[in-house]
N, C-alpha and C. Protein backbone atom coordinates (compact mmCIF):
# COMPACT_ATOMS: atom_id res chain seq x y z
N MET A 1 110.53 114.89 110.98
CA MET A 1 109.72 115.20 109.82
C MET A 1 110.53 114.86 108.56
N ALA A 2 109.89 114.23 107.62
CA ALA A 2 110.56 113.82 106.39
C ALA A 2 110.88 115.04 105.53
N GLU A 3 111.91 114.89 104.73
CA GLU A 3 112.28 115.96 103.79
C GLU A 3 111.16 116.12 102.76
N PRO A 4 110.77 117.36 102.45
CA PRO A 4 109.75 117.55 101.42
C PRO A 4 110.30 117.18 100.04
N ASP A 5 109.39 116.76 99.15
CA ASP A 5 109.83 116.45 97.80
C ASP A 5 110.29 117.75 97.13
N PRO A 6 111.05 117.67 96.05
CA PRO A 6 111.63 118.87 95.43
C PRO A 6 110.59 119.93 95.05
N ARG A 7 109.45 119.50 94.55
CA ARG A 7 108.42 120.48 94.15
C ARG A 7 107.88 121.21 95.37
N HIS A 8 107.61 120.48 96.44
CA HIS A 8 107.09 121.12 97.65
C HIS A 8 108.16 122.01 98.27
N GLN A 9 109.41 121.60 98.23
CA GLN A 9 110.50 122.43 98.75
C GLN A 9 110.59 123.74 97.96
N ALA A 10 110.43 123.65 96.64
CA ALA A 10 110.44 124.87 95.82
C ALA A 10 109.28 125.79 96.20
N ALA A 11 108.12 125.20 96.49
CA ALA A 11 106.97 126.00 96.92
C ALA A 11 107.23 126.66 98.27
N LEU A 12 107.83 125.91 99.20
CA LEU A 12 108.17 126.48 100.51
C LEU A 12 109.17 127.62 100.36
N ASP A 13 110.16 127.44 99.50
CA ASP A 13 111.16 128.50 99.27
C ASP A 13 110.49 129.75 98.71
N ARG A 14 109.61 129.57 97.75
CA ARG A 14 108.92 130.73 97.17
C ARG A 14 108.01 131.37 98.22
N PHE A 15 107.32 130.54 99.00
CA PHE A 15 106.45 131.05 100.05
C PHE A 15 107.23 131.95 101.00
N LEU A 16 108.40 131.49 101.42
CA LEU A 16 109.22 132.30 102.32
C LEU A 16 109.69 133.58 101.65
N ALA A 17 110.05 133.50 100.38
CA ALA A 17 110.48 134.70 99.65
C ALA A 17 109.34 135.71 99.56
N ASP A 18 108.11 135.21 99.41
CA ASP A 18 106.94 136.07 99.29
C ASP A 18 106.41 136.56 100.63
N HIS A 19 106.85 135.95 101.72
CA HIS A 19 106.36 136.28 103.07
C HIS A 19 107.53 136.51 104.02
N PRO A 20 108.20 137.64 103.89
CA PRO A 20 109.38 137.90 104.73
C PRO A 20 109.07 137.91 106.23
N ALA A 21 107.85 138.22 106.61
CA ALA A 21 107.51 138.21 108.04
C ALA A 21 107.57 136.79 108.59
N VAL A 22 107.16 135.81 107.79
CA VAL A 22 107.25 134.42 108.22
C VAL A 22 108.72 134.03 108.35
N GLN A 23 109.53 134.42 107.37
CA GLN A 23 110.96 134.13 107.44
C GLN A 23 111.58 134.75 108.70
N GLU A 24 111.20 135.98 108.98
CA GLU A 24 111.71 136.67 110.17
C GLU A 24 111.31 135.92 111.44
N GLU A 25 110.07 135.48 111.52
CA GLU A 25 109.61 134.72 112.69
C GLU A 25 110.40 133.43 112.84
N LEU A 26 110.60 132.72 111.73
CA LEU A 26 111.33 131.45 111.77
C LEU A 26 112.79 131.65 112.17
N ASP A 27 113.36 132.78 111.80
CA ASP A 27 114.75 133.07 112.14
C ASP A 27 114.93 133.38 113.62
N HIS A 28 113.83 133.66 114.32
CA HIS A 28 113.94 134.06 115.72
C HIS A 28 113.07 133.21 116.65
N LEU A 29 112.93 131.95 116.32
CA LEU A 29 112.16 131.05 117.19
C LEU A 29 112.91 130.79 118.49
N ASN A 30 112.17 130.62 119.54
CA ASN A 30 112.74 130.37 120.86
C ASN A 30 113.17 128.90 120.95
N PRO A 31 114.45 128.64 121.14
CA PRO A 31 114.90 127.25 121.24
C PRO A 31 114.28 126.50 122.42
N LEU A 32 113.89 127.23 123.45
CA LEU A 32 113.24 126.58 124.60
C LEU A 32 111.86 126.06 124.21
N ALA A 33 111.18 126.74 123.29
CA ALA A 33 109.88 126.27 122.81
C ALA A 33 110.05 124.96 122.04
N ALA A 34 111.13 124.87 121.27
CA ALA A 34 111.41 123.63 120.55
C ALA A 34 111.64 122.49 121.54
N ARG A 35 112.43 122.76 122.55
CA ARG A 35 112.73 121.74 123.55
C ARG A 35 111.46 121.33 124.29
N ALA A 36 110.62 122.31 124.63
CA ALA A 36 109.37 122.00 125.32
C ALA A 36 108.44 121.15 124.46
N ALA A 37 108.55 121.32 123.14
CA ALA A 37 107.74 120.52 122.22
C ALA A 37 108.38 119.17 121.93
N GLY A 38 109.56 118.92 122.49
CA GLY A 38 110.25 117.66 122.28
C GLY A 38 110.86 117.54 120.90
N MET A 39 111.27 118.68 120.33
CA MET A 39 111.83 118.70 118.98
C MET A 39 113.18 119.40 118.98
N SER A 40 113.95 119.10 117.95
CA SER A 40 115.16 119.88 117.74
C SER A 40 114.75 121.24 117.20
N ALA A 41 115.67 122.19 117.22
CA ALA A 41 115.37 123.52 116.69
C ALA A 41 114.95 123.44 115.23
N GLN A 42 115.63 122.58 114.45
CA GLN A 42 115.30 122.46 113.02
C GLN A 42 113.92 121.82 112.83
N GLU A 43 113.61 120.80 113.60
CA GLU A 43 112.29 120.17 113.50
C GLU A 43 111.19 121.17 113.86
N TYR A 44 111.43 121.95 114.89
CA TYR A 44 110.45 122.95 115.32
C TYR A 44 110.27 124.01 114.24
N ARG A 45 111.36 124.45 113.64
CA ARG A 45 111.29 125.43 112.56
C ARG A 45 110.50 124.86 111.39
N ASP A 46 110.81 123.63 111.00
CA ASP A 46 110.10 122.99 109.90
C ASP A 46 108.61 122.89 110.18
N GLU A 47 108.28 122.51 111.40
CA GLU A 47 106.88 122.38 111.80
C GLU A 47 106.17 123.73 111.71
N ARG A 48 106.81 124.77 112.20
CA ARG A 48 106.21 126.11 112.15
C ARG A 48 106.05 126.58 110.71
N LEU A 49 107.02 126.28 109.85
CA LEU A 49 106.92 126.66 108.44
C LEU A 49 105.74 125.96 107.79
N HIS A 50 105.58 124.68 108.04
CA HIS A 50 104.46 123.93 107.45
C HIS A 50 103.12 124.44 107.98
N GLN A 51 103.08 124.83 109.23
CA GLN A 51 101.84 125.41 109.78
C GLN A 51 101.51 126.71 109.07
N ALA A 52 102.50 127.57 108.88
CA ALA A 52 102.28 128.85 108.20
C ALA A 52 101.83 128.62 106.76
N PHE A 53 102.44 127.64 106.10
CA PHE A 53 102.09 127.31 104.72
C PHE A 53 100.64 126.83 104.64
N GLU A 54 100.26 125.95 105.54
CA GLU A 54 98.90 125.42 105.55
C GLU A 54 97.89 126.52 105.86
N GLU A 55 98.23 127.43 106.77
CA GLU A 55 97.34 128.55 107.09
C GLU A 55 97.18 129.48 105.88
N ALA A 56 98.26 129.70 105.13
CA ALA A 56 98.18 130.53 103.93
C ALA A 56 97.32 129.86 102.87
N ALA A 57 97.46 128.56 102.73
CA ALA A 57 96.62 127.83 101.77
C ALA A 57 95.15 127.94 102.17
N ASP A 58 94.88 127.71 103.44
CA ASP A 58 93.51 127.78 103.94
C ASP A 58 92.92 129.17 103.72
N ALA A 59 93.71 130.20 103.93
CA ALA A 59 93.24 131.57 103.74
C ALA A 59 92.86 131.85 102.29
N GLN A 60 93.44 131.08 101.37
CA GLN A 60 93.13 131.21 99.95
C GLN A 60 92.06 130.22 99.50
N GLY A 61 91.54 129.44 100.44
CA GLY A 61 90.54 128.43 100.10
C GLY A 61 91.13 127.24 99.38
N LEU A 62 92.41 126.97 99.64
CA LEU A 62 93.12 125.87 98.98
C LEU A 62 93.60 124.85 100.01
N PHE A 63 93.83 123.63 99.53
CA PHE A 63 94.56 122.65 100.33
C PHE A 63 96.04 122.99 100.18
N ALA A 64 96.87 122.53 101.11
CA ALA A 64 98.30 122.82 101.04
C ALA A 64 98.91 122.30 99.73
N TRP A 65 98.46 121.13 99.27
CA TRP A 65 99.02 120.60 98.02
C TRP A 65 98.64 121.50 96.83
N GLU A 66 97.47 122.14 96.92
CA GLU A 66 97.07 123.06 95.85
C GLU A 66 97.95 124.31 95.85
N LEU A 67 98.29 124.79 97.04
CA LEU A 67 99.20 125.95 97.11
C LEU A 67 100.57 125.57 96.57
N THR A 68 101.00 124.35 96.82
CA THR A 68 102.27 123.88 96.25
C THR A 68 102.20 123.97 94.72
N LEU A 69 101.12 123.47 94.14
CA LEU A 69 100.97 123.55 92.69
C LEU A 69 100.94 125.00 92.21
N LYS A 70 100.21 125.84 92.92
CA LYS A 70 100.07 127.25 92.53
C LYS A 70 101.42 127.96 92.52
N LEU A 71 102.23 127.68 93.53
CA LEU A 71 103.52 128.37 93.65
C LEU A 71 104.59 127.82 92.71
N THR A 72 104.36 126.64 92.15
CA THR A 72 105.38 126.04 91.28
C THR A 72 104.95 125.95 89.82
N ALA A 73 103.69 126.23 89.53
CA ALA A 73 103.21 126.18 88.15
C ALA A 73 103.79 127.35 87.36
N ALA A 74 104.00 127.12 86.07
CA ALA A 74 104.56 128.17 85.20
C ALA A 74 103.54 129.26 84.89
N SER A 75 102.25 128.94 85.02
CA SER A 75 101.21 129.92 84.71
C SER A 75 99.95 129.57 85.49
N ALA A 76 99.02 130.51 85.52
CA ALA A 76 97.74 130.25 86.18
C ALA A 76 96.98 129.13 85.47
N GLU A 77 97.12 129.07 84.17
CA GLU A 77 96.45 128.02 83.40
C GLU A 77 97.03 126.65 83.74
N GLU A 78 98.35 126.58 83.84
CA GLU A 78 98.98 125.31 84.20
C GLU A 78 98.55 124.88 85.59
N PHE A 79 98.46 125.83 86.52
CA PHE A 79 98.00 125.51 87.88
C PHE A 79 96.60 124.91 87.84
N GLN A 80 95.69 125.55 87.12
CA GLN A 80 94.32 125.05 87.05
C GLN A 80 94.25 123.65 86.44
N GLU A 81 95.03 123.43 85.38
CA GLU A 81 95.06 122.11 84.74
C GLU A 81 95.56 121.05 85.72
N GLN A 82 96.66 121.33 86.40
CA GLN A 82 97.24 120.37 87.34
C GLN A 82 96.29 120.13 88.51
N ARG A 83 95.69 121.19 88.98
CA ARG A 83 94.77 121.10 90.12
C ARG A 83 93.58 120.21 89.77
N LEU A 84 92.98 120.43 88.62
CA LEU A 84 91.83 119.62 88.22
C LEU A 84 92.24 118.16 88.00
N GLU A 85 93.41 117.97 87.43
CA GLU A 85 93.90 116.61 87.20
C GLU A 85 94.02 115.84 88.52
N VAL A 86 94.59 116.46 89.54
CA VAL A 86 94.73 115.79 90.84
C VAL A 86 93.36 115.57 91.47
N HIS A 87 92.48 116.57 91.39
CA HIS A 87 91.14 116.39 91.95
C HIS A 87 90.40 115.25 91.26
N LYS A 88 90.59 115.11 89.94
CA LYS A 88 89.94 114.00 89.22
C LYS A 88 90.46 112.67 89.74
N GLU A 89 91.76 112.58 89.99
CA GLU A 89 92.33 111.35 90.54
C GLU A 89 91.74 111.02 91.90
N VAL A 90 91.58 112.05 92.72
CA VAL A 90 91.00 111.85 94.05
C VAL A 90 89.55 111.38 93.93
N ALA A 91 88.80 111.99 93.03
CA ALA A 91 87.40 111.58 92.82
C ALA A 91 87.33 110.12 92.38
N GLU A 92 88.23 109.71 91.49
CA GLU A 92 88.26 108.32 91.03
C GLU A 92 88.58 107.38 92.19
N MET A 93 89.57 107.75 93.01
CA MET A 93 89.93 106.90 94.15
C MET A 93 88.77 106.78 95.14
N ALA A 94 88.01 107.88 95.27
CA ALA A 94 86.86 107.88 96.18
C ALA A 94 85.62 107.25 95.54
N LYS A 95 85.76 106.85 94.26
CA LYS A 95 84.64 106.26 93.51
C LYS A 95 83.43 107.18 93.52
N MET A 96 83.70 108.47 93.33
CA MET A 96 82.65 109.49 93.33
C MET A 96 82.52 110.06 91.92
N PRO A 97 81.31 110.24 91.44
CA PRO A 97 81.15 110.86 90.13
C PRO A 97 81.82 112.24 90.10
N TRP A 98 82.50 112.53 88.99
CA TRP A 98 83.28 113.76 88.88
C TRP A 98 82.44 115.00 89.11
N ASP A 99 81.25 115.08 88.51
CA ASP A 99 80.43 116.29 88.67
C ASP A 99 80.02 116.50 90.12
N GLU A 100 79.73 115.41 90.83
CA GLU A 100 79.37 115.51 92.25
C GLU A 100 80.58 115.95 93.09
N TYR A 101 81.72 115.34 92.82
CA TYR A 101 82.95 115.71 93.53
C TYR A 101 83.28 117.18 93.29
N ALA A 102 83.22 117.61 92.03
CA ALA A 102 83.55 118.99 91.68
C ALA A 102 82.61 119.97 92.40
N ARG A 103 81.34 119.65 92.44
CA ARG A 103 80.37 120.52 93.11
C ARG A 103 80.67 120.57 94.60
N LEU A 104 80.98 119.42 95.20
CA LEU A 104 81.28 119.35 96.62
C LEU A 104 82.48 120.22 97.00
N HIS A 105 83.46 120.28 96.10
CA HIS A 105 84.68 121.03 96.38
C HIS A 105 84.72 122.40 95.71
N GLY A 106 83.61 122.82 95.14
CA GLY A 106 83.52 124.15 94.55
C GLY A 106 84.44 124.35 93.36
N LEU A 107 84.63 123.29 92.56
CA LEU A 107 85.52 123.37 91.40
C LEU A 107 84.73 123.81 90.18
N ASP A 108 85.30 124.72 89.44
CA ASP A 108 84.68 125.19 88.19
C ASP A 108 85.13 124.28 87.07
N ILE A 109 84.20 123.45 86.58
CA ILE A 109 84.57 122.50 85.53
C ILE A 109 83.87 122.82 84.21
N ALA A 110 83.27 123.98 84.15
CA ALA A 110 82.53 124.37 82.92
C ALA A 110 83.47 124.65 81.77
């Protein structure tokens, strides 16, 4: 697994700080499970961390990249601005009208 970019790594670090139970689970993973999955212990740990992160994002109705923004933004307002900016880029790449894209993804653009 590739190293996460600095912003995503900061989000993962904050996620672990905010979720000590996940940190505890990661600290006590079974090395045999890693071997059975064909991974090193570190690769297995990284994979489990990313799964927990994605599950937390999903539980909040967010994509994992949105949770990264949320955990690294200086304020809720900055998070919303960054989030909408990225969604607008995605809508443009998909050649979809912004209002249709926003409605499809439940974005408040009012």
